[in-house]
Amino acid sequence: TEKWELEQYLTEVSQQTSPFYRPNFFTNTPDINPLYLQDG
């Protein structure tokens, strides 16, 4: 959720692991109600 985390993770998935790992960015799942969204 923080800017530095998003930049770091975007760099990882686009440059470091992209030859073999394709991420699917789900915003939420039935198992995960993110803390960032719990204020509605």
Full PDB file with SEQRES, HELIX, SHEET, SSBOND, CRYST1, ORIGX, SCALE, CONECT and MASTER records, all heavy atoms in Angstrom:
SEQRES   1 A   40  THR GLU LYS TRP GLU LEU GLU GLN TYR LEU THR GLU VAL          
SEQRES   2 A   40  SER GLN GLN THR SER PRO PHE TYR ARG PRO ASN PHE PHE          
SEQRES   3 A   40  THR ASN THR PRO ASP ILE ASN PRO LEU TYR LEU GLN ASP          
SEQRES   4 A   40  GLY                                                          
HELIX    1 AA1 LYS A    3  THR A   11  1                                   9    
HELIX    2 AA2 GLU A   12  GLN A   16  3                                   5    
HELIX    3 AA3 LEU A   35  LEU A   37  5                                   3    
CRYST1    1.000    1.000    1.000  90.00  90.00  90.00 P 1           1          
ORIGX1      1.000000  0.000000  0.000000        0.00000                         
ORIGX2      0.000000  1.000000  0.000000        0.00000                         
ORIGX3      0.000000  0.000000  1.000000        0.00000                         
SCALE1      1.000000  0.000000  0.000000        0.00000                         
SCALE2      0.000000  1.000000  0.000000        0.00000                         
SCALE3      0.000000  0.000000  1.000000        0.00000                         
ATOM      1  N   THR A   1       0.805  -1.223   0.000  1.00  0.00           N  
ATOM      2  CA  THR A   1       0.000   0.000   0.000  1.00  0.00           C  
ATOM      3  C   THR A   1       0.836   1.271   0.000  1.00  0.00           C  
ATOM      4  O   THR A   1       0.383   2.299  -0.504  1.00  0.00           O  
ATOM      5  CB  THR A   1      -0.942   0.015   1.217  1.00  0.00           C  
ATOM      6  OG1 THR A   1      -0.172  -0.098   2.421  1.00  0.00           O  
ATOM      7  CG2 THR A   1      -1.935  -1.147   1.143  1.00  0.00           C  
ATOM      8  N   GLU A   2       2.035   1.237   0.575  1.00  0.00           N  
ATOM      9  CA  GLU A   2       2.893   2.415   0.588  1.00  0.00           C  
ATOM     10  C   GLU A   2       3.577   2.585  -0.768  1.00  0.00           C  
ATOM     11  O   GLU A   2       3.793   1.621  -1.506  1.00  0.00           O  
ATOM     12  CB  GLU A   2       3.947   2.293   1.685  1.00  0.00           C  
ATOM     13  CG  GLU A   2       3.375   2.184   3.087  1.00  0.00           C  
ATOM     14  CD  GLU A   2       2.643   3.433   3.529  1.00  0.00           C  
ATOM     15  OE1 GLU A   2       3.063   4.538   3.108  1.00  0.00           O  
ATOM     16  OE2 GLU A   2       1.652   3.313   4.277  1.00  0.00           O  
ATOM     17  N   LYS A   3       3.940   3.821  -1.075  1.00  0.00           N  
ATOM     18  CA  LYS A   3       4.563   4.103  -2.371  1.00  0.00           C  
ATOM     19  C   LYS A   3       5.824   3.271  -2.581  1.00  0.00           C  
ATOM     20  O   LYS A   3       5.999   2.653  -3.647  1.00  0.00           O  
ATOM     21  CB  LYS A   3       4.888   5.591  -2.468  1.00  0.00           C  
ATOM     22  CG  LYS A   3       5.627   5.981  -3.754  1.00  0.00           C  
ATOM     23  CD  LYS A   3       5.972   7.462  -3.750  1.00  0.00           C  
ATOM     24  CE  LYS A   3       6.799   7.837  -4.958  1.00  0.00           C  
ATOM     25  NZ  LYS A   3       7.143   9.285  -4.970  1.00  0.00           N  
ATOM     26  N   TRP A   4       6.704   3.226  -1.579  1.00  0.00           N  
ATOM     27  CA  TRP A   4       7.961   2.502  -1.749  1.00  0.00           C  
ATOM     28  C   TRP A   4       7.714   1.014  -1.936  1.00  0.00           C  
ATOM     29  O   TRP A   4       8.427   0.349  -2.702  1.00  0.00           O  
ATOM     30  CB  TRP A   4       8.896   2.750  -0.567  1.00  0.00           C  
ATOM     31  CG  TRP A   4       8.455   2.123   0.739  1.00  0.00           C  
ATOM     32  CD1 TRP A   4       7.678   2.693   1.695  1.00  0.00           C  
ATOM     33  CD2 TRP A   4       8.764   0.801   1.194  1.00  0.00           C  
ATOM     34  NE1 TRP A   4       7.470   1.819   2.734  1.00  0.00           N  
ATOM     35  CE2 TRP A   4       8.128   0.645   2.461  1.00  0.00           C  
ATOM     36  CE3 TRP A   4       9.493  -0.259   0.679  1.00  0.00           C  
ATOM     37  CZ2 TRP A   4       8.220  -0.538   3.193  1.00  0.00           C  
ATOM     38  CZ3 TRP A   4       9.585  -1.440   1.412  1.00  0.00           C  
ATOM     39  CH2 TRP A   4       8.954  -1.566   2.653  1.00  0.00           C  
ATOM     40  N   GLU A   5       6.682   0.473  -1.281  1.00  0.00           N  
ATOM     41  CA  GLU A   5       6.358  -0.947  -1.441  1.00  0.00           C  
ATOM     42  C   GLU A   5       5.849  -1.231  -2.850  1.00  0.00           C  
ATOM     43  O   GLU A   5       6.213  -2.236  -3.473  1.00  0.00           O  
ATOM     44  CB  GLU A   5       5.280  -1.353  -0.441  1.00  0.00           C  
ATOM     45  CG  GLU A   5       5.688  -1.305   1.009  1.00  0.00           C  
ATOM     46  CD  GLU A   5       4.532  -1.641   1.924  1.00  0.00           C  
ATOM     47  OE1 GLU A   5       3.444  -1.040   1.778  1.00  0.00           O  
ATOM     48  OE2 GLU A   5       4.708  -2.524   2.783  1.00  0.00           O  
ATOM     49  N   LEU A   6       4.995  -0.344  -3.348  1.00  0.00           N  
ATOM     50  CA  LEU A   6       4.436  -0.531  -4.684  1.00  0.00           C  
ATOM     51  C   LEU A   6       5.529  -0.428  -5.743  1.00  0.00           C  
ATOM     52  O   LEU A   6       5.571  -1.223  -6.693  1.00  0.00           O  
ATOM     53  CB  LEU A   6       3.341   0.503  -4.932  1.00  0.00           C  
ATOM     54  CG  LEU A   6       2.061   0.311  -4.116  1.00  0.00           C  
ATOM     55  CD1 LEU A   6       1.221   1.584  -4.129  1.00  0.00           C  
ATOM     56  CD2 LEU A   6       1.249  -0.866  -4.633  1.00  0.00           C  
ATOM     57  N   GLU A   7       6.430   0.550  -5.598  1.00  0.00           N  
ATOM     58  CA  GLU A   7       7.516   0.689  -6.564  1.00  0.00           C  
ATOM     59  C   GLU A   7       8.427  -0.524  -6.535  1.00  0.00           C  
ATOM     60  O   GLU A   7       8.836  -1.045  -7.585  1.00  0.00           O  
ATOM     61  CB  GLU A   7       8.311   1.959  -6.267  1.00  0.00           C  
ATOM     62  CG  GLU A   7       7.564   3.241  -6.570  1.00  0.00           C  
ATOM     63  CD  GLU A   7       8.382   4.484  -6.314  1.00  0.00           C  
ATOM     64  OE1 GLU A   7       9.380   4.396  -5.564  1.00  0.00           O  
ATOM     65  OE2 GLU A   7       8.030   5.547  -6.858  1.00  0.00           O  
ATOM     66  N   GLN A   8       8.758  -0.979  -5.347  1.00  0.00           N  
ATOM     67  CA  GLN A   8       9.636  -2.139  -5.205  1.00  0.00           C  
ATOM     68  C   GLN A   8       8.996  -3.384  -5.806  1.00  0.00           C  
ATOM     69  O   GLN A   8       9.653  -4.160  -6.519  1.00  0.00           O  
ATOM     70  CB  GLN A   8       9.955  -2.353  -3.723  1.00  0.00           C  
ATOM     71  CG  GLN A   8      10.959  -3.457  -3.441  1.00  0.00           C  
ATOM     72  CD  GLN A   8      11.185  -3.623  -1.951  1.00  0.00           C  
ATOM     73  OE1 GLN A   8      10.331  -4.134  -1.227  1.00  0.00           O  
ATOM     74  NE2 GLN A   8      12.341  -3.160  -1.484  1.00  0.00           N  
ATOM     75  N   TYR A   9       7.707  -3.571  -5.540  1.00  0.00           N  
ATOM     76  CA  TYR A   9       7.048  -4.780  -6.034  1.00  0.00           C  
ATOM     77  C   TYR A   9       6.843  -4.723  -7.548  1.00  0.00           C  
ATOM     78  O   TYR A   9       7.012  -5.733  -8.243  1.00  0.00           O  
ATOM     79  CB  TYR A   9       5.707  -4.974  -5.326  1.00  0.00           C  
ATOM     80  CG  TYR A   9       5.166  -6.379  -5.477  1.00  0.00           C  
ATOM     81  CD1 TYR A   9       5.950  -7.489  -5.181  1.00  0.00           C  
ATOM     82  CD2 TYR A   9       3.872  -6.602  -5.918  1.00  0.00           C  
ATOM     83  CE1 TYR A   9       5.469  -8.778  -5.314  1.00  0.00           C  
ATOM     84  CE2 TYR A   9       3.376  -7.891  -6.054  1.00  0.00           C  
ATOM     85  CZ  TYR A   9       4.176  -8.970  -5.750  1.00  0.00           C  
ATOM     86  OH  TYR A   9       3.690 -10.246  -5.892  1.00  0.00           O  
ATOM     87  N   LEU A  10       6.526  -3.550  -8.068  1.00  0.00           N  
ATOM     88  CA  LEU A  10       6.379  -3.416  -9.509  1.00  0.00           C  
ATOM     89  C   LEU A  10       7.700  -3.698 -10.214  1.00  0.00           C  
ATOM     90  O   LEU A  10       7.730  -4.346 -11.270  1.00  0.00           O  
ATOM     91  CB  LEU A  10       5.872  -2.015  -9.849  1.00  0.00           C  
ATOM     92  CG  LEU A  10       5.588  -1.711 -11.322  1.00  0.00           C  
ATOM     93  CD1 LEU A  10       4.619  -2.714 -11.924  1.00  0.00           C  
ATOM     94  CD2 LEU A  10       5.075  -0.289 -11.485  1.00  0.00           C  
ATOM     95  N   THR A  11       8.785  -3.230  -9.646  1.00  0.00           N  
ATOM     96  CA  THR A  11      10.103  -3.527 -10.209  1.00  0.00           C  
ATOM     97  C   THR A  11      10.385  -5.021 -10.175  1.00  0.00           C  
ATOM     98  O   THR A  11      10.885  -5.602 -11.151  1.00  0.00           O  
ATOM     99  CB  THR A  11      11.195  -2.773  -9.424  1.00  0.00           C  
ATOM    100  OG1 THR A  11      10.963  -1.370  -9.529  1.00  0.00           O  
ATOM    101  CG2 THR A  11      12.582  -3.102  -9.961  1.00  0.00           C  
ATOM    102  N   GLU A  12      10.046  -5.668  -9.078  1.00  0.00           N  
ATOM    103  CA  GLU A  12      10.288  -7.106  -8.950  1.00  0.00           C  
ATOM    104  C   GLU A  12       9.539  -7.904 -10.003  1.00  0.00           C  
ATOM    105  O   GLU A  12      10.122  -8.740 -10.699  1.00  0.00           O  
ATOM    106  CB  GLU A  12       9.881  -7.580  -7.548  1.00  0.00           C  
ATOM    107  CG  GLU A  12      10.025  -9.077  -7.334  1.00  0.00           C  
ATOM    108  CD  GLU A  12       9.536  -9.521  -5.970  1.00  0.00           C  
ATOM    109  OE1 GLU A  12       9.679  -8.745  -5.000  1.00  0.00           O  
ATOM    110  OE2 GLU A  12       8.993 -10.639  -5.864  1.00  0.00           O  
ATOM    111  N   VAL A  13       8.237  -7.668 -10.129  1.00  0.00           N  
ATOM    112  CA  VAL A  13       7.446  -8.510 -11.026  1.00  0.00           C  
ATOM    113  C   VAL A  13       7.674  -8.176 -12.491  1.00  0.00           C  
ATOM    114  O   VAL A  13       7.496  -9.048 -13.358  1.00  0.00           O  
ATOM    115  CB  VAL A  13       5.941  -8.440 -10.690  1.00  0.00           C  
ATOM    116  CG1 VAL A  13       5.681  -8.936  -9.278  1.00  0.00           C  
ATOM    117  CG2 VAL A  13       5.372  -7.036 -10.890  1.00  0.00           C  
ATOM    118  N   SER A  14       8.077  -6.936 -12.797  1.00  0.00           N  
ATOM    119  CA  SER A  14       8.267  -6.566 -14.197  1.00  0.00           C  
ATOM    120  C   SER A  14       9.670  -6.857 -14.697  1.00  0.00           C  
ATOM    121  O   SER A  14       9.855  -7.117 -15.898  1.00  0.00           O  
ATOM    122  CB  SER A  14       7.945  -5.085 -14.407  1.00  0.00           C  
ATOM    123  OG  SER A  14       8.849  -4.256 -13.693  1.00  0.00           O  
ATOM    124  N   GLN A  15      10.661  -6.847 -13.812  1.00  0.00           N  
ATOM    125  CA  GLN A  15      12.042  -7.001 -14.256  1.00  0.00           C  
ATOM    126  C   GLN A  15      12.702  -8.280 -13.762  1.00  0.00           C  
ATOM    127  O   GLN A  15      13.423  -8.937 -14.512  1.00  0.00           O  
ATOM    128  CB  GLN A  15      12.861  -5.792 -13.793  1.00  0.00           C  
ATOM    129  CG  GLN A  15      12.385  -4.472 -14.375  1.00  0.00           C  
ATOM    130  CD  GLN A  15      13.224  -3.294 -13.903  1.00  0.00           C  
ATOM    131  OE1 GLN A  15      14.342  -3.455 -13.428  1.00  0.00           O  
ATOM    132  NE2 GLN A  15      12.683  -2.100 -14.025  1.00  0.00           N  
ATOM    133  N   GLN A  16      12.465  -8.645 -12.514  1.00  0.00           N  
ATOM    134  CA  GLN A  16      13.228  -9.735 -11.920  1.00  0.00           C  
ATOM    135  C   GLN A  16      12.604 -11.105 -12.151  1.00  0.00           C  
ATOM    136  O   GLN A  16      13.316 -12.078 -12.409  1.00  0.00           O  
ATOM    137  CB  GLN A  16      13.406  -9.476 -10.424  1.00  0.00           C  
ATOM    138  CG  GLN A  16      14.155  -8.193 -10.117  1.00  0.00           C  
ATOM    139  CD  GLN A  16      14.066  -7.779  -8.658  1.00  0.00           C  
ATOM    140  OE1 GLN A  16      13.705  -8.563  -7.794  1.00  0.00           O  
ATOM    141  NE2 GLN A  16      14.368  -6.520  -8.373  1.00  0.00           N  
ATOM    142  N   THR A  17      11.302 -11.211 -12.056  1.00  0.00           N  
ATOM    143  CA  THR A  17      10.661 -12.533 -12.137  1.00  0.00           C  
ATOM    144  C   THR A  17       9.797 -12.711 -13.376  1.00  0.00           C  
ATOM    145  O   THR A  17       9.218 -13.780 -13.567  1.00  0.00           O  
ATOM    146  CB  THR A  17       9.789 -12.786 -10.890  1.00  0.00           C  
ATOM    147  OG1 THR A  17       8.756 -11.785 -10.815  1.00  0.00           O  
ATOM    148  CG2 THR A  17      10.626 -12.729  -9.624  1.00  0.00           C  
ATOM    149  N   SER A  18       9.711 -11.696 -14.234  1.00  0.00           N  
ATOM    150  CA  SER A  18       8.791 -11.771 -15.377  1.00  0.00           C  
ATOM    151  C   SER A  18       9.070 -12.892 -16.366  1.00  0.00           C  
ATOM    152  O   SER A  18       8.137 -13.332 -17.047  1.00  0.00           O  
ATOM    153  CB  SER A  18       8.765 -10.431 -16.111  1.00  0.00           C  
ATOM    154  OG  SER A  18      10.053 -10.056 -16.548  1.00  0.00           O  
ATOM    155  N   PRO A  19      10.300 -13.418 -16.510  1.00  0.00           N  
ATOM    156  CA  PRO A  19      10.474 -14.526 -17.453  1.00  0.00           C  
ATOM    157  C   PRO A  19       9.728 -15.801 -17.066  1.00  0.00           C  
ATOM    158  O   PRO A  19       9.523 -16.666 -17.917  1.00  0.00           O  
ATOM    159  CB  PRO A  19      11.994 -14.761 -17.444  1.00  0.00           C  
ATOM    160  CG  PRO A  19      12.583 -13.452 -17.037  1.00  0.00           C  
ATOM    161  CD  PRO A  19      11.610 -12.903 -16.031  1.00  0.00           C  
ATOM    162  N   PHE A  20       9.326 -15.929 -15.794  1.00  0.00           N  
ATOM    163  CA  PHE A  20       8.672 -17.178 -15.406  1.00  0.00           C  
ATOM    164  C   PHE A  20       7.455 -16.993 -14.501  1.00  0.00           C  
ATOM    165  O   PHE A  20       6.684 -17.938 -14.315  1.00  0.00           O  
ATOM    166  CB  PHE A  20       9.678 -18.096 -14.681  1.00  0.00           C  
ATOM    167  CG  PHE A  20      10.298 -17.490 -13.450  1.00  0.00           C  
ATOM    168  CD1 PHE A  20       9.682 -17.585 -12.219  1.00  0.00           C  
ATOM    169  CD2 PHE A  20      11.517 -16.825 -13.525  1.00  0.00           C  
ATOM    170  CE1 PHE A  20      10.247 -17.019 -11.091  1.00  0.00           C  
ATOM    171  CE2 PHE A  20      12.100 -16.259 -12.408  1.00  0.00           C  
ATOM    172  CZ  PHE A  20      11.459 -16.358 -11.173  1.00  0.00           C  
ATOM    173  N   TYR A  21       7.250 -15.803 -13.938  1.00  0.00           N  
ATOM    174  CA  TYR A  21       6.173 -15.602 -12.966  1.00  0.00           C  
ATOM    175  C   TYR A  21       5.267 -14.480 -13.444  1.00  0.00           C  
ATOM    176  O   TYR A  21       5.709 -13.350 -13.622  1.00  0.00           O  
ATOM    177  CB  TYR A  21       6.767 -15.252 -11.599  1.00  0.00           C  
ATOM    178  CG  TYR A  21       5.747 -14.944 -10.520  1.00  0.00           C  
ATOM    179  CD1 TYR A  21       4.972 -15.955  -9.964  1.00  0.00           C  
ATOM    180  CD2 TYR A  21       5.568 -13.643 -10.058  1.00  0.00           C  
ATOM    181  CE1 TYR A  21       4.035 -15.668  -8.975  1.00  0.00           C  
ATOM    182  CE2 TYR A  21       4.644 -13.354  -9.068  1.00  0.00           C  
ATOM    183  CZ  TYR A  21       3.880 -14.374  -8.532  1.00  0.00           C  
ATOM    184  OH  TYR A  21       2.954 -14.094  -7.562  1.00  0.00           O  
ATOM    185  N   ARG A  22       3.990 -14.822 -13.688  1.00  0.00           N  
ATOM    186  CA  ARG A  22       3.016 -13.830 -14.118  1.00  0.00           C  
ATOM    187  C   ARG A  22       2.051 -13.585 -12.963  1.00  0.00           C  
ATOM    188  O   ARG A  22       1.220 -14.430 -12.650  1.00  0.00           O  
ATOM    189  CB  ARG A  22       2.254 -14.308 -15.339  1.00  0.00           C  
ATOM    190  CG  ARG A  22       3.117 -14.674 -16.549  1.00  0.00           C  
ATOM    191  CD  ARG A  22       2.211 -14.979 -17.735  1.00  0.00           C  
ATOM    192  NE  ARG A  22       2.942 -15.482 -18.885  1.00  0.00           N  
ATOM    193  CZ  ARG A  22       2.894 -16.745 -19.303  1.00  0.00           C  
ATOM    194  NH1 ARG A  22       2.160 -17.636 -18.651  1.00  0.00           N  
ATOM    195  NH2 ARG A  22       3.560 -17.122 -20.366  1.00  0.00           N  
ATOM    196  N   PRO A  23       2.111 -12.422 -12.330  1.00  0.00           N  
ATOM    197  CA  PRO A  23       1.252 -12.169 -11.172  1.00  0.00           C  
ATOM    198  C   PRO A  23      -0.156 -11.765 -11.594  1.00  0.00           C  
ATOM    199  O   PRO A  23      -0.351 -11.109 -12.618  1.00  0.00           O  
ATOM    200  CB  PRO A  23       1.962 -11.006 -10.478  1.00  0.00           C  
ATOM    201  CG  PRO A  23       2.596 -10.251 -11.609  1.00  0.00           C  
ATOM    202  CD  PRO A  23       3.028 -11.297 -12.615  1.00  0.00           C  
ATOM    203  N   ASN A  24      -1.128 -12.169 -10.804  1.00  0.00           N  
ATOM    204  CA  ASN A  24      -2.499 -11.696 -10.976  1.00  0.00           C  
ATOM    205  C   ASN A  24      -2.813 -10.826  -9.764  1.00  0.00           C  
ATOM    206  O   ASN A  24      -2.816 -11.301  -8.628  1.00  0.00           O  
ATOM    207  CB  ASN A  24      -3.472 -12.872 -11.079  1.00  0.00           C  
ATOM    208  CG  ASN A  24      -4.829 -12.446 -11.611  1.00  0.00           C  
ATOM    209  OD1 ASN A  24      -5.348 -11.401 -11.239  1.00  0.00           O  
ATOM    210  ND2 ASN A  24      -5.416 -13.273 -12.464  1.00  0.00           N  
ATOM    211  N   PHE A  25      -3.054  -9.549 -10.009  1.00  0.00           N  
ATOM    212  CA  PHE A  25      -3.266  -8.593  -8.918  1.00  0.00           C  
ATOM    213  C   PHE A  25      -4.750  -8.570  -8.526  1.00  0.00           C  
ATOM    214  O   PHE A  25      -5.519  -7.760  -9.038  1.00  0.00           O  
ATOM    215  CB  PHE A  25      -2.809  -7.190  -9.342  1.00  0.00           C  
ATOM    216  CG  PHE A  25      -1.326  -6.947  -9.227  1.00  0.00           C  
ATOM    217  CD1 PHE A  25      -0.426  -7.990  -9.201  1.00  0.00           C  
ATOM    218  CD2 PHE A  25      -0.825  -5.651  -9.159  1.00  0.00           C  
ATOM    219  CE1 PHE A  25       0.940  -7.759  -9.102  1.00  0.00           C  
ATOM    220  CE2 PHE A  25       0.538  -5.410  -9.059  1.00  0.00           C  
ATOM    221  CZ  PHE A  25       1.425  -6.464  -9.034  1.00  0.00           C  
ATOM    222  N   PHE A  26      -5.141  -9.461  -7.625  1.00  0.00           N  
ATOM    223  CA  PHE A  26      -6.489  -9.418  -7.073  1.00  0.00           C  
ATOM    224  C   PHE A  26      -6.546  -8.339  -5.995  1.00  0.00           C  
ATOM    225  O   PHE A  26      -5.665  -8.241  -5.140  1.00  0.00           O  
ATOM    226  CB  PHE A  26      -6.871 -10.771  -6.480  1.00  0.00           C  
ATOM    227  CG  PHE A  26      -7.661 -11.644  -7.418  1.00  0.00           C  
ATOM    228  CD1 PHE A  26      -7.038 -12.319  -8.448  1.00  0.00           C  
ATOM    229  CD2 PHE A  26      -9.027 -11.770  -7.276  1.00  0.00           C  
ATOM    230  CE1 PHE A  26      -7.760 -13.114  -9.320  1.00  0.00           C  
ATOM    231  CE2 PHE A  26      -9.763 -12.564  -8.140  1.00  0.00           C  
ATOM    232  CZ  PHE A  26      -9.135 -13.244  -9.165  1.00  0.00           C  
ATOM    233  N   THR A  27      -7.609  -7.544  -6.021  1.00  0.00           N  
ATOM    234  CA  THR A  27      -7.778  -6.493  -5.020  1.00  0.00           C  
ATOM    235  C   THR A  27      -8.241  -7.052  -3.681  1.00  0.00           C  
ATOM    236  O   THR A  27      -7.966  -6.474  -2.624  1.00  0.00           O  
ATOM    237  CB  THR A  27      -8.806  -5.468  -5.497  1.00  0.00           C  
ATOM    238  OG1 THR A  27     -10.051  -6.145  -5.758  1.00  0.00           O  
ATOM    239  CG2 THR A  27      -8.337  -4.770  -6.764  1.00  0.00           C  
ATOM    240  N   ASN A  28      -8.985  -8.143  -3.730  1.00  0.00           N  
ATOM    241  CA  ASN A  28      -9.537  -8.787  -2.528  1.00  0.00           C  
ATOM    242  C   ASN A  28      -9.926 -10.207  -2.910  1.00  0.00           C  
ATOM    243  O   ASN A  28      -9.973 -10.555  -4.113  1.00  0.00           O  
ATOM    244  CB  ASN A  28     -10.760  -8.024  -2.005  1.00  0.00           C  
ATOM    245  CG  ASN A  28     -11.931  -8.060  -2.982  1.00  0.00           C  
ATOM    246  OD1 ASN A  28     -11.751  -8.034  -4.206  1.00  0.00           O  
ATOM    247  ND2 ASN A  28     -13.149  -8.122  -2.458  1.00  0.00           N  
ATOM    248  N   THR A  29     -10.186 -11.048  -1.930  1.00  0.00           N  
ATOM    249  CA  THR A  29     -10.678 -12.403  -2.157  1.00  0.00           C  
ATOM    250  C   THR A  29     -11.673 -12.721  -1.047  1.00  0.00           C  
ATOM    251  O   THR A  29     -11.761 -11.984  -0.057  1.00  0.00           O  
ATOM    252  CB  THR A  29      -9.538 -13.446  -2.129  1.00  0.00           C  
ATOM    253  OG1 THR A  29      -9.149 -13.694  -0.767  1.00  0.00           O  
ATOM    254  CG2 THR A  29      -8.324 -12.997  -2.936  1.00  0.00           C  
ATOM    255  N   PRO A  30     -12.426 -13.818  -1.144  1.00  0.00           N  
ATOM    256  CA  PRO A  30     -13.295 -14.188  -0.021  1.00  0.00           C  
ATOM    257  C   PRO A  30     -12.535 -14.395   1.281  1.00  0.00           C  
ATOM    258  O   PRO A  30     -13.110 -14.277   2.367  1.00  0.00           O  
ATOM    259  CB  PRO A  30     -13.947 -15.493  -0.507  1.00  0.00           C  
ATOM    260  CG  PRO A  30     -13.902 -15.402  -1.989  1.00  0.00           C  
ATOM    261  CD  PRO A  30     -12.615 -14.702  -2.308  1.00  0.00           C  
ATOM    262  N   ASP A  31     -11.234 -14.689   1.177  1.00  0.00           N  
ATOM    263  CA  ASP A  31     -10.407 -14.904   2.366  1.00  0.00           C  
ATOM    264  C   ASP A  31      -9.759 -13.628   2.881  1.00  0.00           C  
ATOM    265  O   ASP A  31      -9.299 -13.591   4.022  1.00  0.00           O  
ATOM    266  CB  ASP A  31      -9.290 -15.910   2.059  1.00  0.00           C  
ATOM    267  CG  ASP A  31      -9.828 -17.286   1.757  1.00  0.00           C  
ATOM    268  OD1 ASP A  31     -10.489 -17.867   2.628  1.00  0.00           O  
ATOM    269  OD2 ASP A  31      -9.580 -17.779   0.635  1.00  0.00           O  
ATOM    270  N   ILE A  32      -9.660 -12.596   2.036  1.00  0.00           N  
ATOM    271  CA  ILE A  32      -8.856 -11.422   2.390  1.00  0.00           C  
ATOM    272  C   ILE A  32      -9.679 -10.151   2.233  1.00  0.00           C  
ATOM    273  O   ILE A  32     -10.026  -9.748   1.114  1.00  0.00           O  
ATOM    274  CB  ILE A  32      -7.588 -11.334   1.529  1.00  0.00           C  
ATOM    275  CG1 ILE A  32      -6.756 -12.610   1.651  1.00  0.00           C  
ATOM    276  CG2 ILE A  32      -6.753 -10.122   1.934  1.00  0.00           C  
ATOM    277  CD1 ILE A  32      -5.592 -12.665   0.694  1.00  0.00           C  
ATOM    278  N   ASN A  33      -9.973  -9.525   3.351  1.00  0.00           N  
ATOM    279  CA  ASN A  33     -10.585  -8.199   3.399  1.00  0.00           C  
ATOM    280  C   ASN A  33      -9.484  -7.235   3.820  1.00  0.00           C  
ATOM    281  O   ASN A  33      -9.183  -7.088   5.003  1.00  0.00           O  
ATOM    282  CB  ASN A  33     -11.740  -8.182   4.404  1.00  0.00           C  
ATOM    283  CG  ASN A  33     -12.428  -6.841   4.507  1.00  0.00           C  
ATOM    284  OD1 ASN A  33     -12.146  -5.926   3.747  1.00  0.00           O  
ATOM    285  ND2 ASN A  33     -13.331  -6.713   5.471  1.00  0.00           N  
ATOM    286  N   PRO A  34      -8.840  -6.558   2.869  1.00  0.00           N  
ATOM    287  CA  PRO A  34      -7.623  -5.803   3.183  1.00  0.00           C  
ATOM    288  C   PRO A  34      -7.867  -4.706   4.215  1.00  0.00           C  
ATOM    289  O   PRO A  34      -8.882  -4.013   4.192  1.00  0.00           O  
ATOM    290  CB  PRO A  34      -7.226  -5.209   1.828  1.00  0.00           C  
ATOM    291  CG  PRO A  34      -7.888  -6.080   0.812  1.00  0.00           C  
ATOM    292  CD  PRO A  34      -9.166  -6.505   1.437  1.00  0.00           C  
ATOM    293  N   LEU A  35      -6.908  -4.531   5.107  1.00  0.00           N  
ATOM    294  CA  LEU A  35      -7.005  -3.494   6.129  1.00  0.00           C  
ATOM    295  C   LEU A  35      -7.177  -2.116   5.503  1.00  0.00           C  
ATOM    296  O   LEU A  35      -7.887  -1.257   6.041  1.00  0.00           O  
ATOM    297  CB  LEU A  35      -5.758  -3.519   7.014  1.00  0.00           C  
ATOM    298  CG  LEU A  35      -5.553  -4.777   7.869  1.00  0.00           C  
ATOM    299  CD1 LEU A  35      -4.209  -4.708   8.581  1.00  0.00           C  
ATOM    300  CD2 LEU A  35      -6.688  -4.939   8.868  1.00  0.00           C  
ATOM    301  N   TYR A  36      -6.526  -1.888   4.369  1.00  0.00           N  
ATOM    302  CA  TYR A  36      -6.584  -0.587   3.698  1.00  0.00           C  
ATOM    303  C   TYR A  36      -8.015  -0.196   3.359  1.00  0.00           C  
ATOM    304  O   TYR A  36      -8.339   0.989   3.275  1.00  0.00           O  
ATOM    305  CB  TYR A  36      -5.739  -0.658   2.422  1.00  0.00           C  
ATOM    306  CG  TYR A  36      -5.612   0.634   1.648  1.00  0.00           C  
ATOM    307  CD1 TYR A  36      -4.598   1.535   1.932  1.00  0.00           C  
ATOM    308  CD2 TYR A  36      -6.501   0.944   0.613  1.00  0.00           C  
ATOM    309  CE1 TYR A  36      -4.467   2.717   1.205  1.00  0.00           C  
ATOM    310  CE2 TYR A  36      -6.386   2.119  -0.112  1.00  0.00           C  
ATOM    311  CZ  TYR A  36      -5.363   3.004   0.188  1.00  0.00           C  
ATOM    312  OH  TYR A  36      -5.240   4.172  -0.525  1.00  0.00           O  
ATOM    313  N   LEU A  37      -8.903  -1.186   3.169  1.00  0.00           N  
ATOM    314  CA  LEU A  37     -10.262  -0.908   2.707  1.00  0.00           C  
ATOM    315  C   LEU A  37     -11.310  -0.992   3.804  1.00  0.00           C  
ATOM    316  O   LEU A  37     -12.495  -0.748   3.552  1.00  0.00           O  
ATOM    317  CB  LEU A  37     -10.637  -1.900   1.591  1.00  0.00           C  
ATOM    318  CG  LEU A  37      -9.724  -1.902   0.360  1.00  0.00           C  
ATOM    319  CD1 LEU A  37     -10.158  -3.002  -0.602  1.00  0.00           C  
ATOM    320  CD2 LEU A  37      -9.752  -0.544  -0.335  1.00  0.00           C  
ATOM    321  N   GLN A  38     -10.901  -1.308   5.019  1.00  0.00           N  
ATOM    322  CA  GLN A  38     -11.898  -1.624   6.046  1.00  0.00           C  
ATOM    323  C   GLN A  38     -12.630  -0.403   6.596  1.00  0.00           C  
ATOM    324  O   GLN A  38     -13.596  -0.561   7.343  1.00  0.00           O  
ATOM    325  CB  GLN A  38     -11.245  -2.428   7.168  1.00  0.00           C  
ATOM    326  CG  GLN A  38     -10.915  -3.848   6.747  1.00  0.00           C  
ATOM    327  CD  GLN A  38     -10.371  -4.707   7.873  1.00  0.00           C  
ATOM    328  OE1 GLN A  38     -10.393  -4.316   9.046  1.00  0.00           O  
ATOM    329  NE2 GLN A  38      -9.874  -5.891   7.524  1.00  0.00           N  
ATOM    330  N   ASP A  39     -12.225   0.815   6.207  1.00  0.00           N  
ATOM    331  CA  ASP A  39     -13.006   1.985   6.609  1.00  0.00           C  
ATOM    332  C   ASP A  39     -14.134   2.271   5.619  1.00  0.00           C  
ATOM    333  O   ASP A  39     -14.972   3.141   5.855  1.00  0.00           O  
ATOM    334  CB  ASP A  39     -12.123   3.214   6.773  1.00  0.00           C  
ATOM    335  CG  ASP A  39     -11.447   3.637   5.476  1.00  0.00           C  
ATOM    336  OD1 ASP A  39     -11.628   2.954   4.446  1.00  0.00           O  
ATOM    337  OD2 ASP A  39     -10.721   4.656   5.485  1.00  0.00           O  
ATOM    338  N   GLY A  40     -14.138   1.543   4.492  1.00  0.00           N  
ATOM    339  CA  GLY A  40     -15.226   1.682   3.539  1.00  0.00           C  
ATOM    340  C   GLY A  40     -15.172   2.897   2.652  1.00  0.00           C  
ATOM    341  O   GLY A  40     -16.119   3.162   1.894  1.00  0.00           O  
TER     342      GLY A  40                                                      
MASTER        0    0    0    3    0    0    0    6  341    1    0    4          
END                                                                             
